[in-house]
């Protein structure tokens, strides 16, 4: 059974949602038969990379908030991340367009390393303050997870996998993605936002019980979990 996850590497709730889903999956009796497929999504396709500006300042600028207000908001998100064992450092997070990071993920998926790429990019962005649009950084991260350095270099020097990213973005529109993370189970059920593990587990059980049904309609489950929406500095 496929579980497709639309996500952006600059979305803090996507990393939190990844951990909560992983917790649920660890308790799912059929976990060995679940295939997780990561899908590209860009919250802000027009975002310009600004290595000298961290995400707190960026959020303050676009929201018209003070820097202290932006920090307080991100402190709350940091606390949520800590609850699932993640360490966020928004003071170091670099404002970066995620397009090339998504192309790296698409390359990684070709080699069975999609989940490893997502995890490494999340950590680089939210914990280590790395510029995830920088090609040298992406080369380093890609080789760390086991990708061939020459393959990564060739991808970054071309438009390779741009079509794959665009296809994921188009599919997101078709299945009704309004914010991320967005989980689609067996192309029948959807869970939006960083829900609690028990919600994900319930969705997995429901989707599994309908495994042999051919109904392609996506029925959306709870959508009140925290999520990032397009255009937001999240």
C-alpha atoms as a PDB file:
ATOM      1  CA  UNK A   1       0.000   0.000   0.000  1.00  0.00           C
ATOM      2  CA  UNK A   2       1.411   3.355  -1.020  1.00  0.00           C
ATOM      3  CA  UNK A   3       1.440   6.343   1.303  1.00  0.00           C
ATOM      4  CA  UNK A   4       2.313   9.510  -0.603  1.00  0.00           C
ATOM      5  CA  UNK A   5       3.520  12.498   1.410  1.00  0.00           C
ATOM      6  CA  UNK A   6       3.579  15.977  -0.062  1.00  0.00           C
ATOM      7  CA  UNK A   7       6.168  18.012   1.806  1.00  0.00           C
ATOM      8  CA  UNK A   8       8.518  20.988   1.581  1.00  0.00           C
ATOM      9  CA  UNK A   9      11.933  20.866   3.224  1.00  0.00           C
ATOM     10  CA  UNK A  10      11.373  24.383   4.618  1.00  0.00           C
ATOM     11  CA  UNK A  11       8.121  23.381   6.350  1.00  0.00           C
ATOM     12  CA  UNK A  12       8.642  22.850  10.097  1.00  0.00           C
ATOM     13  CA  UNK A  13       5.375  20.936  10.473  1.00  0.00           C
ATOM     14  CA  UNK A  14       6.461  18.535   7.723  1.00  0.00           C
ATOM     15  CA  UNK A  15       9.428  17.370   9.793  1.00  0.00           C
ATOM     16  CA  UNK A  16       7.221  17.092  12.878  1.00  0.00           C
ATOM     17  CA  UNK A  17       4.594  15.234  10.845  1.00  0.00           C
ATOM     18  CA  UNK A  18       7.256  12.863   9.534  1.00  0.00           C
ATOM     19  CA  UNK A  19       8.172  11.864  13.080  1.00  0.00           C
ATOM     20  CA  UNK A  20       4.559  11.415  14.160  1.00  0.00           C
ATOM     21  CA  UNK A  21       3.774   9.321  11.089  1.00  0.00           C
ATOM     22  CA  UNK A  22       6.882   7.201  11.674  1.00  0.00           C
ATOM     23  CA  UNK A  23       5.713   6.554  15.218  1.00  0.00           C
ATOM     24  CA  UNK A  24       2.307   5.437  13.943  1.00  0.00           C
ATOM     25  CA  UNK A  25       3.852   3.284  11.239  1.00  0.00           C
ATOM     26  CA  UNK A  26       6.048   1.529  13.793  1.00  0.00           C
ATOM     27  CA  UNK A  27       2.867   0.302  15.518  1.00  0.00           C
ATOM     28  CA  UNK A  28       1.045  -0.652  12.315  1.00  0.00           C
ATOM     29  CA  UNK A  29       0.949  -4.455  11.984  1.00  0.00           C
ATOM     30  CA  UNK A  30       1.354  -4.322   8.185  1.00  0.00           C
ATOM     31  CA  UNK A  31       4.174  -1.765   8.152  1.00  0.00           C
ATOM     32  CA  UNK A  32       6.400  -3.969   6.009  1.00  0.00           C
ATOM     33  CA  UNK A  33       3.837  -3.703   3.231  1.00  0.00           C
ATOM     34  CA  UNK A  34       3.631   0.099   3.293  1.00  0.00           C
ATOM     35  CA  UNK A  35       5.607   1.970   0.649  1.00  0.00           C
ATOM     36  CA  UNK A  36       6.228   5.623   1.568  1.00  0.00           C
ATOM     37  CA  UNK A  37       6.568   7.908  -1.462  1.00  0.00           C
ATOM     38  CA  UNK A  38       7.767  11.480  -0.892  1.00  0.00           C
ATOM     39  CA  UNK A  39       6.246  14.134  -3.133  1.00  0.00           C
ATOM     40  CA  UNK A  40       7.561  17.610  -3.838  1.00  0.00           C
ATOM     41  CA  UNK A  41       5.678  20.717  -2.764  1.00  0.00           C
ATOM     42  CA  UNK A  42       6.828  24.343  -2.675  1.00  0.00           C
ATOM     43  CA  UNK A  43       5.250  26.655  -0.142  1.00  0.00           C
ATOM     44  CA  UNK A  44       6.784  29.685  -1.787  1.00  0.00           C
ATOM     45  CA  UNK A  45       8.099  28.986  -5.311  1.00  0.00           C
ATOM     46  CA  UNK A  46       9.174  32.621  -5.697  1.00  0.00           C
ATOM     47  CA  UNK A  47      11.241  32.740  -2.511  1.00  0.00           C
ATOM     48  CA  UNK A  48      14.669  34.176  -3.146  1.00  0.00           C
ATOM     49  CA  UNK A  49      17.592  32.618  -1.331  1.00  0.00           C
ATOM     50  CA  UNK A  50      19.018  35.084   1.176  1.00  0.00           C
ATOM     51  CA  UNK A  51      21.920  33.483   3.080  1.00  0.00           C
ATOM     52  CA  UNK A  52      22.409  36.585   5.218  1.00  0.00           C
ATOM     53  CA  UNK A  53      18.848  36.546   6.558  1.00  0.00           C
ATOM     54  CA  UNK A  54      17.498  33.908   8.921  1.00  0.00           C
ATOM     55  CA  UNK A  55      13.920  32.716   8.939  1.00  0.00           C
ATOM     56  CA  UNK A  56      12.981  34.775  12.005  1.00  0.00           C
ATOM     57  CA  UNK A  57      13.867  37.995  10.213  1.00  0.00           C
ATOM     58  CA  UNK A  58      12.178  36.839   7.023  1.00  0.00           C
ATOM     59  CA  UNK A  59       8.977  36.032   8.878  1.00  0.00           C
ATOM     60  CA  UNK A  60       9.027  39.396  10.653  1.00  0.00           C
ATOM     61  CA  UNK A  61       9.506  41.222   7.347  1.00  0.00           C
ATOM     62  CA  UNK A  62       6.702  39.560   5.402  1.00  0.00           C
ATOM     63  CA  UNK A  63       4.248  39.540   8.301  1.00  0.00           C
ATOM     64  CA  UNK A  64       4.976  43.040   9.488  1.00  0.00           C
ATOM     65  CA  UNK A  65       5.868  41.692  12.916  1.00  0.00           C
ATOM     66  CA  UNK A  66       8.676  42.659  15.207  1.00  0.00           C
ATOM     67  CA  UNK A  67      11.638  40.298  15.366  1.00  0.00           C
ATOM     68  CA  UNK A  68      10.608  39.377  18.923  1.00  0.00           C
ATOM     69  CA  UNK A  69       7.108  38.418  17.752  1.00  0.00           C
ATOM     70  CA  UNK A  70       8.552  36.228  15.009  1.00  0.00           C
ATOM     71  CA  UNK A  71      10.889  34.554  17.476  1.00  0.00           C
ATOM     72  CA  UNK A  72       8.055  33.861  19.916  1.00  0.00           C
ATOM     73  CA  UNK A  73       6.028  32.202  17.181  1.00  0.00           C
ATOM     74  CA  UNK A  74       8.972  30.074  16.127  1.00  0.00           C
ATOM     75  CA  UNK A  75       9.733  29.263  19.759  1.00  0.00           C
ATOM     76  CA  UNK A  76       6.298  27.650  19.976  1.00  0.00           C
ATOM     77  CA  UNK A  77       7.065  25.568  16.886  1.00  0.00           C
ATOM     78  CA  UNK A  78      10.451  24.661  18.357  1.00  0.00           C
ATOM     79  CA  UNK A  79       8.689  23.378  21.471  1.00  0.00           C
ATOM     80  CA  UNK A  80       6.357  21.257  19.319  1.00  0.00           C
ATOM     81  CA  UNK A  81       9.381  19.804  17.530  1.00  0.00           C
ATOM     82  CA  UNK A  82      11.070  19.004  20.830  1.00  0.00           C
ATOM     83  CA  UNK A  83       8.043  16.923  21.851  1.00  0.00           C
ATOM     84  CA  UNK A  84       8.883  14.471  19.056  1.00  0.00           C
ATOM     85  CA  UNK A  85      12.630  14.546  19.634  1.00  0.00           C
ATOM     86  CA  UNK A  86      13.620  17.182  17.073  1.00  0.00           C
ATOM     87  CA  UNK A  87      15.915  20.126  17.717  1.00  0.00           C
ATOM     88  CA  UNK A  88      15.053  23.280  15.753  1.00  0.00           C
ATOM     89  CA  UNK A  89      17.264  26.371  15.597  1.00  0.00           C
ATOM     90  CA  UNK A  90      15.396  29.116  13.763  1.00  0.00           C
ATOM     91  CA  UNK A  91      18.140  31.616  14.610  1.00  0.00           C
ATOM     92  CA  UNK A  92      20.387  29.694  12.209  1.00  0.00           C
ATOM     93  CA  UNK A  93      17.810  28.668   9.566  1.00  0.00           C
ATOM     94  CA  UNK A  94      18.710  30.146   6.165  1.00  0.00           C
ATOM     95  CA  UNK A  95      16.034  31.568   3.876  1.00  0.00           C
ATOM     96  CA  UNK A  96      16.428  29.361   0.795  1.00  0.00           C
ATOM     97  CA  UNK A  97      14.390  28.401  -2.255  1.00  0.00           C
ATOM     98  CA  UNK A  98      13.693  24.672  -2.133  1.00  0.00           C
ATOM     99  CA  UNK A  99      13.551  23.870  -5.874  1.00  0.00           C
ATOM    100  CA  UNK A 100      16.978  22.247  -6.194  1.00  0.00           C
ATOM    101  CA  UNK A 101      16.540  20.432  -2.876  1.00  0.00           C
ATOM    102  CA  UNK A 102      13.416  18.844  -4.345  1.00  0.00           C
ATOM    103  CA  UNK A 103      15.347  17.814  -7.444  1.00  0.00           C
ATOM    104  CA  UNK A 104      17.888  16.129  -5.162  1.00  0.00           C
ATOM    105  CA  UNK A 105      15.050  14.253  -3.457  1.00  0.00           C
ATOM    106  CA  UNK A 106      13.743  13.099  -6.837  1.00  0.00           C
ATOM    107  CA  UNK A 107      17.202  11.787  -7.716  1.00  0.00           C
ATOM    108  CA  UNK A 108      17.397  10.052  -4.340  1.00  0.00           C
ATOM    109  CA  UNK A 109      14.013   8.394  -4.944  1.00  0.00           C
ATOM    110  CA  UNK A 110      15.448   6.759  -8.063  1.00  0.00           C
ATOM    111  CA  UNK A 111      17.899   4.947  -5.784  1.00  0.00           C
ATOM    112  CA  UNK A 112      15.545   4.075  -2.931  1.00  0.00           C
ATOM    113  CA  UNK A 113      16.863   6.947  -0.817  1.00  0.00           C
ATOM    114  CA  UNK A 114      13.893   9.315  -0.833  1.00  0.00           C
ATOM    115  CA  UNK A 115      13.275   9.051   2.896  1.00  0.00           C
ATOM    116  CA  UNK A 116      16.977   9.469   3.670  1.00  0.00           C
ATOM    117  CA  UNK A 117      17.084  12.609   1.514  1.00  0.00           C
ATOM    118  CA  UNK A 118      14.058  14.128   3.233  1.00  0.00           C
ATOM    119  CA  UNK A 119      15.501  13.410   6.666  1.00  0.00           C
ATOM    120  CA  UNK A 120      18.928  14.809   5.821  1.00  0.00           C
ATOM    121  CA  UNK A 121      17.543  17.978   4.245  1.00  0.00           C
ATOM    122  CA  UNK A 122      15.177  18.604   7.166  1.00  0.00           C
ATOM    123  CA  UNK A 123      18.039  18.287   9.625  1.00  0.00           C
ATOM    124  CA  UNK A 124      20.286  20.501   7.522  1.00  0.00           C
ATOM    125  CA  UNK A 125      17.636  23.214   7.315  1.00  0.00           C
ATOM    126  CA  UNK A 126      16.067  23.236  10.765  1.00  0.00           C
ATOM    127  CA  UNK A 127      18.912  22.068  13.008  1.00  0.00           C
ATOM    128  CA  UNK A 128      22.189  22.857  11.312  1.00  0.00           C
ATOM    129  CA  UNK A 129      21.426  26.155   9.587  1.00  0.00           C
ATOM    130  CA  UNK A 130      22.661  24.917   6.206  1.00  0.00           C
ATOM    131  CA  UNK A 131      21.787  26.675   2.949  1.00  0.00           C
ATOM    132  CA  UNK A 132      19.735  23.946   1.262  1.00  0.00           C
ATOM    133  CA  UNK A 133      19.743  25.786  -2.067  1.00  0.00           C
ATOM    134  CA  UNK A 134      23.541  25.888  -2.293  1.00  0.00           C
ATOM    135  CA  UNK A 135      24.847  23.362  -4.809  1.00  0.00           C
ATOM    136  CA  UNK A 136      27.985  22.534  -2.833  1.00  0.00           C
ATOM    137  CA  UNK A 137      25.823  21.850   0.216  1.00  0.00           C
ATOM    138  CA  UNK A 138      23.415  19.681  -1.774  1.00  0.00           C
ATOM    139  CA  UNK A 139      26.343  17.726  -3.214  1.00  0.00           C
ATOM    140  CA  UNK A 140      27.660  17.085   0.280  1.00  0.00           C
ATOM    141  CA  UNK A 141      24.260  16.056   1.642  1.00  0.00           C
ATOM    142  CA  UNK A 142      23.553  13.841  -1.346  1.00  0.00           C
ATOM    143  CA  UNK A 143      26.822  11.944  -1.039  1.00  0.00           C
ATOM    144  CA  UNK A 144      26.292  11.602   2.728  1.00  0.00           C
ATOM    145  CA  UNK A 145      23.147   9.553   2.130  1.00  0.00           C
ATOM    146  CA  UNK A 146      24.848   7.367  -0.465  1.00  0.00           C
ATOM    147  CA  UNK A 147      24.243   9.066  -3.814  1.00  0.00           C
ATOM    148  CA  UNK A 148      27.000   9.086  -6.403  1.00  0.00           C
ATOM    149  CA  UNK A 149      28.782  12.462  -6.375  1.00  0.00           C
ATOM    150  CA  UNK A 150      29.005  12.618 -10.165  1.00  0.00           C
ATOM    151  CA  UNK A 151      25.280  11.911 -10.524  1.00  0.00           C
ATOM    152  CA  UNK A 152      24.456  14.692  -8.061  1.00  0.00           C
ATOM    153  CA  UNK A 153      26.779  17.126  -9.854  1.00  0.00           C
ATOM    154  CA  UNK A 154      25.261  16.296 -13.228  1.00  0.00           C
ATOM    155  CA  UNK A 155      21.764  16.793 -11.862  1.00  0.00           C
ATOM    156  CA  UNK A 156      22.592  20.164 -10.303  1.00  0.00           C
ATOM    157  CA  UNK A 157      24.296  21.385 -13.476  1.00  0.00           C
ATOM    158  CA  UNK A 158      21.214  20.607 -15.564  1.00  0.00           C
ATOM    159  CA  UNK A 159      17.444  20.741 -15.302  1.00  0.00           C
ATOM    160  CA  UNK A 160      17.259  17.020 -14.529  1.00  0.00           C
ATOM    161  CA  UNK A 161      14.220  16.010 -12.447  1.00  0.00           C
ATOM    162  CA  UNK A 162      12.600  19.424 -12.921  1.00  0.00           C
ATOM    163  CA  UNK A 163       9.755  17.652 -14.706  1.00  0.00           C
ATOM    164  CA  UNK A 164       9.359  15.235 -11.797  1.00  0.00           C
ATOM    165  CA  UNK A 165       9.081  18.105  -9.319  1.00  0.00           C
ATOM    166  CA  UNK A 166       6.577  19.901 -11.542  1.00  0.00           C
ATOM    167  CA  UNK A 167       4.532  16.714 -11.873  1.00  0.00           C
ATOM    168  CA  UNK A 168       4.320  16.395  -8.100  1.00  0.00           C
ATOM    169  CA  UNK A 169       3.200  20.015  -7.821  1.00  0.00           C
ATOM    170  CA  UNK A 170       0.501  19.383 -10.431  1.00  0.00           C
ATOM    171  CA  UNK A 171      -0.654  16.224  -8.654  1.00  0.00           C
ATOM    172  CA  UNK A 172      -0.902  18.211  -5.431  1.00  0.00           C
ATOM    173  CA  UNK A 173      -3.480  20.444  -7.108  1.00  0.00           C
ATOM    174  CA  UNK A 174      -5.387  17.429  -8.392  1.00  0.00           C
ATOM    175  CA  UNK A 175      -5.711  15.746  -4.975  1.00  0.00           C
ATOM    176  CA  UNK A 176      -6.572  18.994  -3.201  1.00  0.00           C
ATOM    177  CA  UNK A 177      -3.414  19.773  -1.246  1.00  0.00           C
ATOM    178  CA  UNK A 178      -3.994  23.096   0.542  1.00  0.00           C
ATOM    179  CA  UNK A 179      -1.079  22.851   2.958  1.00  0.00           C
ATOM    180  CA  UNK A 180       1.674  20.472   3.956  1.00  0.00           C
ATOM    181  CA  UNK A 181       2.393  17.902   5.200  1.00  0.00           C
ATOM    182  CA  UNK A 182      -0.320  16.098   3.270  1.00  0.00           C
ATOM    183  CA  UNK A 183      -0.590  12.312   3.401  1.00  0.00           C
ATOM    184  CA  UNK A 184      -2.522  10.281   0.818  1.00  0.00           C
ATOM    185  CA  UNK A 185      -3.070   6.617   1.637  1.00  0.00           C
ATOM    186  CA  UNK A 186      -3.704   4.250  -1.256  1.00  0.00           C
ATOM    187  CA  UNK A 187      -5.076   7.192  -3.266  1.00  0.00           C
ATOM    188  CA  UNK A 188      -8.296   6.886  -1.239  1.00  0.00           C
ATOM    189  CA  UNK A 189      -7.783   8.656   2.074  1.00  0.00           C
ATOM    190  CA  UNK A 190      -5.946  11.812   3.025  1.00  0.00           C
ATOM    191  CA  UNK A 191      -4.665  13.228   6.267  1.00  0.00           C
ATOM    192  CA  UNK A 192      -3.652  16.880   6.313  1.00  0.00           C
ATOM    193  CA  UNK A 193      -1.224  18.387   8.799  1.00  0.00           C
ATOM    194  CA  UNK A 194       1.059  17.067  11.530  1.00  0.00           C
ATOM    195  CA  UNK A 195      -1.613  14.980  13.229  1.00  0.00           C
ATOM    196  CA  UNK A 196      -1.088  12.882  16.331  1.00  0.00           C
ATOM    197  CA  UNK A 197       0.246   9.320  15.817  1.00  0.00           C
ATOM    198  CA  UNK A 198      -3.115   7.785  16.766  1.00  0.00           C
ATOM    199  CA  UNK A 199      -4.783   9.681  13.916  1.00  0.00           C
ATOM    200  CA  UNK A 200      -2.229   8.374  11.442  1.00  0.00           C
ATOM    201  CA  UNK A 201      -2.589   4.865  12.822  1.00  0.00           C
ATOM    202  CA  UNK A 202      -6.354   5.035  12.433  1.00  0.00           C
ATOM    203  CA  UNK A 203      -5.969   6.220   8.850  1.00  0.00           C
ATOM    204  CA  UNK A 204      -3.539   3.396   8.093  1.00  0.00           C
ATOM    205  CA  UNK A 205      -5.972   0.831   9.492  1.00  0.00           C
ATOM    206  CA  UNK A 206      -8.882   2.301   7.547  1.00  0.00           C
ATOM    207  CA  UNK A 207      -6.946   2.401   4.279  1.00  0.00           C
ATOM    208  CA  UNK A 208      -5.669  -1.116   4.808  1.00  0.00           C
ATOM    209  CA  UNK A 209      -9.163  -2.501   5.385  1.00  0.00           C
ATOM    210  CA  UNK A 210     -10.171  -1.059   1.998  1.00  0.00           C
ATOM    211  CA  UNK A 211      -7.048  -2.296   0.271  1.00  0.00           C
ATOM    212  CA  UNK A 212      -8.905  -4.310  -2.366  1.00  0.00           C
ATOM    213  CA  UNK A 213     -11.455  -1.668  -3.172  1.00  0.00           C
ATOM    214  CA  UNK A 214     -11.054   0.247  -6.415  1.00  0.00           C
ATOM    215  CA  UNK A 215     -12.656   3.549  -5.385  1.00  0.00           C
ATOM    216  CA  UNK A 216     -10.191   6.274  -6.477  1.00  0.00           C
ATOM    217  CA  UNK A 217     -11.905   9.089  -4.602  1.00  0.00           C
ATOM    218  CA  UNK A 218      -9.756  10.738  -1.950  1.00  0.00           C
ATOM    219  CA  UNK A 219     -11.769  11.097   1.266  1.00  0.00           C
ATOM    220  CA  UNK A 220     -10.141  13.645   3.569  1.00  0.00           C
ATOM    221  CA  UNK A 221      -9.692  12.803   7.230  1.00  0.00           C
ATOM    222  CA  UNK A 222      -9.014  15.347  10.054  1.00  0.00           C
ATOM    223  CA  UNK A 223      -7.471  18.580   8.760  1.00  0.00           C
ATOM    224  CA  UNK A 224      -6.985  20.617  11.900  1.00  0.00           C
ATOM    225  CA  UNK A 225      -3.371  19.647  12.526  1.00  0.00           C
ATOM    226  CA  UNK A 226      -0.712  22.334  12.131  1.00  0.00           C
ATOM    227  CA  UNK A 227       0.367  22.768   8.529  1.00  0.00           C
ATOM    228  CA  UNK A 228       2.183  25.242   6.323  1.00  0.00           C
ATOM    229  CA  UNK A 229       0.213  26.986   3.567  1.00  0.00           C
ATOM    230  CA  UNK A 230       1.548  28.437   0.305  1.00  0.00           C
ATOM    231  CA  UNK A 231       2.930  31.951   0.589  1.00  0.00           C
ATOM    232  CA  UNK A 232       3.510  31.644   4.327  1.00  0.00           C
ATOM    233  CA  UNK A 233       6.903  31.993   5.979  1.00  0.00           C
ATOM    234  CA  UNK A 234       6.314  28.931   8.054  1.00  0.00           C
END
